[in-house]
Amino acid sequence: MMPSLPLQQDTLVTFQKRVKQKMLLALQEKKSLTRLQAESSVWQELEEELLHLTLDENRS
């Protein structure tokens, strides 16, 4: 199961912004992080959020 389409869209639309933020944070902390690593990390975060949204919707 997945959350409703509007909830998915609200979550997924933040992808590029999150990747940029993650890369900027790594740069500030002088850590090595490729765009691919940042994208992979953000996808995992988004998947987790979508799963939680699904659970929350199913409880309602």
PDB file of N, CA and C in Angstrom:
ATOM      1  N   MET A   1       0.835  -1.183   0.000  1.00  0.00           N
ATOM      2  CA  MET A   1       0.000   0.000   0.000  1.00  0.00           C
ATOM      3  C   MET A   1       0.878   1.244   0.000  1.00  0.00           C
ATOM      4  N   MET A   2       0.321   2.261  -0.566  1.00  0.00           N
ATOM      5  CA  MET A   2       1.006   3.553  -0.619  1.00  0.00           C
ATOM      6  C   MET A   2       0.041   4.623  -0.117  1.00  0.00           C
ATOM      7  N   PRO A   3       0.596   5.740   0.362  1.00  0.00           N
ATOM      8  CA  PRO A   3      -0.292   6.835   0.765  1.00  0.00           C
ATOM      9  C   PRO A   3      -0.997   7.418  -0.459  1.00  0.00           C
ATOM     10  N   SER A   4      -1.976   8.227  -0.214  1.00  0.00           N
ATOM     11  CA  SER A   4      -2.719   8.849  -1.313  1.00  0.00           C
ATOM     12  C   SER A   4      -1.769   9.631  -2.225  1.00  0.00           C
ATOM     13  N   LEU A   5      -2.174   9.788  -3.454  1.00  0.00           N
ATOM     14  CA  LEU A   5      -1.347  10.481  -4.445  1.00  0.00           C
ATOM     15  C   LEU A   5      -0.944  11.888  -3.997  1.00  0.00           C
ATOM     16  N   PRO A   6      -1.855  12.692  -3.449  1.00  0.00           N
ATOM     17  CA  PRO A   6      -1.436  14.029  -2.999  1.00  0.00           C
ATOM     18  C   PRO A   6      -0.336  13.976  -1.930  1.00  0.00           C
ATOM     19  N   LEU A   7      -0.426  13.027  -1.008  1.00  0.00           N
ATOM     20  CA  LEU A   7       0.616  12.901   0.016  1.00  0.00           C
ATOM     21  C   LEU A   7       1.943  12.462  -0.597  1.00  0.00           C
ATOM     22  N   GLN A   8       1.871  11.555  -1.562  1.00  0.00           N
ATOM     23  CA  GLN A   8       3.091  11.127  -2.252  1.00  0.00           C
ATOM     24  C   GLN A   8       3.735  12.314  -2.964  1.00  0.00           C
ATOM     25  N   GLN A   9       2.920  13.077  -3.674  1.00  0.00           N
ATOM     26  CA  GLN A   9       3.445  14.218  -4.421  1.00  0.00           C
ATOM     27  C   GLN A   9       4.074  15.249  -3.490  1.00  0.00           C
ATOM     28  N   ASP A  10       3.404  15.530  -2.373  1.00  0.00           N
ATOM     29  CA  ASP A  10       3.942  16.498  -1.409  1.00  0.00           C
ATOM     30  C   ASP A  10       5.298  16.052  -0.876  1.00  0.00           C
ATOM     31  N   THR A  11       5.470  14.763  -0.722  1.00  0.00           N
ATOM     32  CA  THR A  11       6.725  14.223  -0.203  1.00  0.00           C
ATOM     33  C   THR A  11       7.796  14.192  -1.294  1.00  0.00           C
ATOM     34  N   LEU A  12       7.450  13.676  -2.458  1.00  0.00           N
ATOM     35  CA  LEU A  12       8.440  13.484  -3.520  1.00  0.00           C
ATOM     36  C   LEU A  12       8.928  14.791  -4.140  1.00  0.00           C
ATOM     37  N   VAL A  13       8.107  15.820  -4.092  1.00  0.00           N
ATOM     38  CA  VAL A  13       8.491  17.095  -4.689  1.00  0.00           C
ATOM     39  C   VAL A  13       9.694  17.710  -3.966  1.00  0.00           C
ATOM     40  N   THR A  14       9.980  17.243  -2.766  1.00  0.00           N
ATOM     41  CA  THR A  14      11.097  17.786  -1.977  1.00  0.00           C
ATOM     42  C   THR A  14      12.431  17.108  -2.291  1.00  0.00           C
ATOM     43  N   PHE A  15      12.434  16.155  -3.201  1.00  0.00           N
ATOM     44  CA  PHE A  15      13.634  15.348  -3.460  1.00  0.00           C
ATOM     45  C   PHE A  15      14.870  16.190  -3.782  1.00  0.00           C
ATOM     46  N   GLN A  16      14.799  17.021  -4.805  1.00  0.00           N
ATOM     47  CA  GLN A  16      15.973  17.794  -5.230  1.00  0.00           C
ATOM     48  C   GLN A  16      16.461  18.740  -4.134  1.00  0.00           C
ATOM     49  N   LYS A  17      15.531  19.363  -3.439  1.00  0.00           N
ATOM     50  CA  LYS A  17      15.899  20.273  -2.354  1.00  0.00           C
ATOM     51  C   LYS A  17      16.654  19.522  -1.260  1.00  0.00           C
ATOM     52  N   ARG A  18      16.172  18.342  -0.930  1.00  0.00           N
ATOM     53  CA  ARG A  18      16.826  17.540   0.112  1.00  0.00           C
ATOM     54  C   ARG A  18      18.225  17.095  -0.309  1.00  0.00           C
ATOM     55  N   VAL A  19      18.357  16.714  -1.563  1.00  0.00           N
ATOM     56  CA  VAL A  19      19.674  16.304  -2.066  1.00  0.00           C
ATOM     57  C   VAL A  19      20.641  17.477  -1.956  1.00  0.00           C
ATOM     58  N   LYS A  20      20.195  18.636  -2.389  1.00  0.00           N
ATOM     59  CA  LYS A  20      21.037  19.833  -2.317  1.00  0.00           C
ATOM     60  C   LYS A  20      21.426  20.137  -0.874  1.00  0.00           C
ATOM     61  N   GLN A  21      20.460  20.076   0.036  1.00  0.00           N
ATOM     62  CA  GLN A  21      20.740  20.342   1.451  1.00  0.00           C
ATOM     63  C   GLN A  21      21.744  19.341   2.014  1.00  0.00           C
ATOM     64  N   LYS A  22      21.584  18.077   1.653  1.00  0.00           N
ATOM     65  CA  LYS A  22      22.484  17.036   2.150  1.00  0.00           C
ATOM     66  C   LYS A  22      23.904  17.260   1.635  1.00  0.00           C
ATOM     67  N   MET A  23      24.028  17.663   0.381  1.00  0.00           N
ATOM     68  CA  MET A  23      25.349  17.912  -0.199  1.00  0.00           C
ATOM     69  C   MET A  23      25.992  19.156   0.414  1.00  0.00           C
ATOM     70  N   LEU A  24      25.196  20.193   0.646  1.00  0.00           N
ATOM     71  CA  LEU A  24      25.725  21.406   1.278  1.00  0.00           C
ATOM     72  C   LEU A  24      26.187  21.132   2.705  1.00  0.00           C
ATOM     73  N   LEU A  25      25.433  20.338   3.425  1.00  0.00           N
ATOM     74  CA  LEU A  25      25.812  19.987   4.789  1.00  0.00           C
ATOM     75  C   LEU A  25      27.126  19.202   4.800  1.00  0.00           C
ATOM     76  N   ALA A  26      27.262  18.264   3.883  1.00  0.00           N
ATOM     77  CA  ALA A  26      28.502  17.491   3.792  1.00  0.00           C
ATOM     78  C   ALA A  26      29.676  18.412   3.480  1.00  0.00           C
ATOM     79  N   LEU A  27      29.467  19.363   2.602  1.00  0.00           N
ATOM     80  CA  LEU A  27      30.514  20.322   2.246  1.00  0.00           C
ATOM     81  C   LEU A  27      30.910  21.156   3.465  1.00  0.00           C
ATOM     82  N   GLN A  28      29.929  21.631   4.209  1.00  0.00           N
ATOM     83  CA  GLN A  28      30.200  22.429   5.410  1.00  0.00           C
ATOM     84  C   GLN A  28      30.957  21.619   6.459  1.00  0.00           C
ATOM     85  N   GLU A  29      30.651  20.322   6.529  1.00  0.00           N
ATOM     86  CA  GLU A  29      31.303  19.450   7.507  1.00  0.00           C
ATOM     87  C   GLU A  29      32.588  18.834   6.948  1.00  0.00           C
ATOM     88  N   LYS A  30      32.955  19.276   5.741  1.00  0.00           N
ATOM     89  CA  LYS A  30      34.156  18.789   5.058  1.00  0.00           C
ATOM     90  C   LYS A  30      34.161  17.260   4.921  1.00  0.00           C
ATOM     91  N   LYS A  31      32.998  16.740   4.577  1.00  0.00           N
ATOM     92  CA  LYS A  31      32.842  15.305   4.350  1.00  0.00           C
ATOM     93  C   LYS A  31      32.692  15.049   2.856  1.00  0.00           C
ATOM     94  N   SER A  32      33.170  13.910   2.430  1.00  0.00           N
ATOM     95  CA  SER A  32      33.065  13.526   1.032  1.00  0.00           C
ATOM     96  C   SER A  32      31.694  12.888   0.784  1.00  0.00           C
ATOM     97  N   LEU A  33      30.964  13.431  -0.178  1.00  0.00           N
ATOM     98  CA  LEU A  33      29.648  12.897  -0.513  1.00  0.00           C
ATOM     99  C   LEU A  33      29.377  13.177  -1.985  1.00  0.00           C
ATOM    100  N   THR A  34      29.180  12.120  -2.759  1.00  0.00           N
ATOM    101  CA  THR A  34      28.848  12.299  -4.170  1.00  0.00           C
ATOM    102  C   THR A  34      27.353  12.560  -4.308  1.00  0.00           C
ATOM    103  N   ARG A  35      26.971  13.076  -5.460  1.00  0.00           N
ATOM    104  CA  ARG A  35      25.538  13.315  -5.701  1.00  0.00           C
ATOM    105  C   ARG A  35      24.769  11.994  -5.635  1.00  0.00           C
ATOM    106  N   LEU A  36      25.349  10.942  -6.173  1.00  0.00           N
ATOM    107  CA  LEU A  36      24.698   9.631  -6.150  1.00  0.00           C
ATOM    108  C   LEU A  36      24.473   9.152  -4.709  1.00  0.00           C
ATOM    109  N   GLN A  37      25.455   9.359  -3.843  1.00  0.00           N
ATOM    110  CA  GLN A  37      25.309   8.981  -2.437  1.00  0.00           C
ATOM    111  C   GLN A  37      24.215   9.812  -1.764  1.00  0.00           C
ATOM    112  N   ALA A  38      24.208  11.097  -2.052  1.00  0.00           N
ATOM    113  CA  ALA A  38      23.188  11.975  -1.473  1.00  0.00           C
ATOM    114  C   ALA A  38      21.795  11.567  -1.950  1.00  0.00           C
ATOM    115  N   GLU A  39      21.659  11.288  -3.235  1.00  0.00           N
ATOM    116  CA  GLU A  39      20.366  10.878  -3.782  1.00  0.00           C
ATOM    117  C   GLU A  39      19.904   9.570  -3.156  1.00  0.00           C
ATOM    118  N   SER A  40      20.810   8.624  -3.022  1.00  0.00           N
ATOM    119  CA  SER A  40      20.471   7.336  -2.425  1.00  0.00           C
ATOM    120  C   SER A  40      19.992   7.511  -0.985  1.00  0.00           C
ATOM    121  N   SER A  41      20.673   8.336  -0.249  1.00  0.00           N
ATOM    122  CA  SER A  41      20.304   8.603   1.140  1.00  0.00           C
ATOM    123  C   SER A  41      18.929   9.263   1.225  1.00  0.00           C
ATOM    124  N   VAL A  42      18.690  10.227   0.363  1.00  0.00           N
ATOM    125  CA  VAL A  42      17.399  10.923   0.363  1.00  0.00           C
ATOM    126  C   VAL A  42      16.280   9.966  -0.042  1.00  0.00           C
ATOM    127  N   TRP A  43      16.520   9.098  -1.032  1.00  0.00           N
ATOM    128  CA  TRP A  43      15.492   8.129  -1.426  1.00  0.00           C
ATOM    129  C   TRP A  43      15.110   7.249  -0.250  1.00  0.00           C
ATOM    130  N   GLN A  44      16.112   6.822   0.527  1.00  0.00           N
ATOM    131  CA  GLN A  44      15.825   5.986   1.698  1.00  0.00           C
ATOM    132  C   GLN A  44      14.966   6.751   2.706  1.00  0.00           C
ATOM    133  N   GLU A  45      15.292   8.015   2.913  1.00  0.00           N
ATOM    134  CA  GLU A  45      14.503   8.846   3.829  1.00  0.00           C
ATOM    135  C   GLU A  45      13.061   8.994   3.328  1.00  0.00           C
ATOM    136  N   LEU A  46      12.918   9.230   2.028  1.00  0.00           N
ATOM    137  CA  LEU A  46      11.580   9.401   1.455  1.00  0.00           C
ATOM    138  C   LEU A  46      10.768   8.110   1.554  1.00  0.00           C
ATOM    139  N   GLU A  47      11.420   6.978   1.293  1.00  0.00           N
ATOM    140  CA  GLU A  47      10.729   5.691   1.406  1.00  0.00           C
ATOM    141  C   GLU A  47      10.200   5.497   2.824  1.00  0.00           C
ATOM    142  N   GLU A  48      11.038   5.812   3.793  1.00  0.00           N
ATOM    143  CA  GLU A  48      10.659   5.682   5.199  1.00  0.00           C
ATOM    144  C   GLU A  48       9.465   6.594   5.516  1.00  0.00           C
ATOM    145  N   GLU A  49       9.516   7.817   5.040  1.00  0.00           N
ATOM    146  CA  GLU A  49       8.416   8.758   5.276  1.00  0.00           C
ATOM    147  C   GLU A  49       7.120   8.284   4.632  1.00  0.00           C
ATOM    148  N   LEU A  50       7.223   7.764   3.410  1.00  0.00           N
ATOM    149  CA  LEU A  50       6.027   7.275   2.723  1.00  0.00           C
ATOM    150  C   LEU A  50       5.425   6.080   3.458  1.00  0.00           C
ATOM    151  N   LEU A  51       6.277   5.217   3.984  1.00  0.00           N
ATOM    152  CA  LEU A  51       5.777   4.082   4.763  1.00  0.00           C
ATOM    153  C   LEU A  51       5.034   4.561   6.006  1.00  0.00           C
ATOM    154  N   HIS A  52       5.591   5.548   6.678  1.00  0.00           N
ATOM    155  CA  HIS A  52       4.932   6.093   7.866  1.00  0.00           C
ATOM    156  C   HIS A  52       3.616   6.778   7.504  1.00  0.00           C
ATOM    157  N   LEU A  53       3.605   7.478   6.381  1.00  0.00           N
ATOM    158  CA  LEU A  53       2.364   8.123   5.943  1.00  0.00           C
ATOM    159  C   LEU A  53       1.287   7.078   5.650  1.00  0.00           C
ATOM    160  N   THR A  54       1.700   5.965   5.047  1.00  0.00           N
ATOM    161  CA  THR A  54       0.763   4.887   4.749  1.00  0.00           C
ATOM    162  C   THR A  54       0.166   4.336   6.036  1.00  0.00           C
ATOM    163  N   LEU A  55       1.029   4.096   7.017  1.00  0.00           N
ATOM    164  CA  LEU A  55       0.553   3.578   8.304  1.00  0.00           C
ATOM    165  C   LEU A  55      -0.389   4.565   8.975  1.00  0.00           C
ATOM    166  N   ASP A  56      -0.033   5.837   8.926  1.00  0.00           N
ATOM    167  CA  ASP A  56      -0.878   6.871   9.533  1.00  0.00           C
ATOM    168  C   ASP A  56      -2.242   6.946   8.849  1.00  0.00           C
ATOM    169  N   GLU A  57      -2.246   6.855   7.524  1.00  0.00           N
ATOM    170  CA  GLU A  57      -3.518   6.909   6.781  1.00  0.00           C
ATOM    171  C   GLU A  57      -4.392   5.703   7.107  1.00  0.00           C
ATOM    172  N   ASN A  58      -3.760   4.542   7.248  1.00  0.00           N
ATOM    173  CA  ASN A  58      -4.525   3.322   7.520  1.00  0.00           C
ATOM    174  C   ASN A  58      -5.112   3.306   8.928  1.00  0.00           C
ATOM    175  N   ARG A  59      -4.510   4.043   9.835  1.00  0.00           N
ATOM    176  CA  ARG A  59      -5.037   4.130  11.205  1.00  0.00           C
ATOM    177  C   ARG A  59      -6.254   5.045  11.282  1.00  0.00           C
ATOM    178  N   SER A  60      -6.344   5.956  10.333  1.00  0.00           N
ATOM    179  CA  SER A  60      -7.444   6.943  10.367  1.00  0.00           C
ATOM    180  C   SER A  60      -8.752   6.354   9.896  1.00  0.00           C
TER     181      SER A  60
END
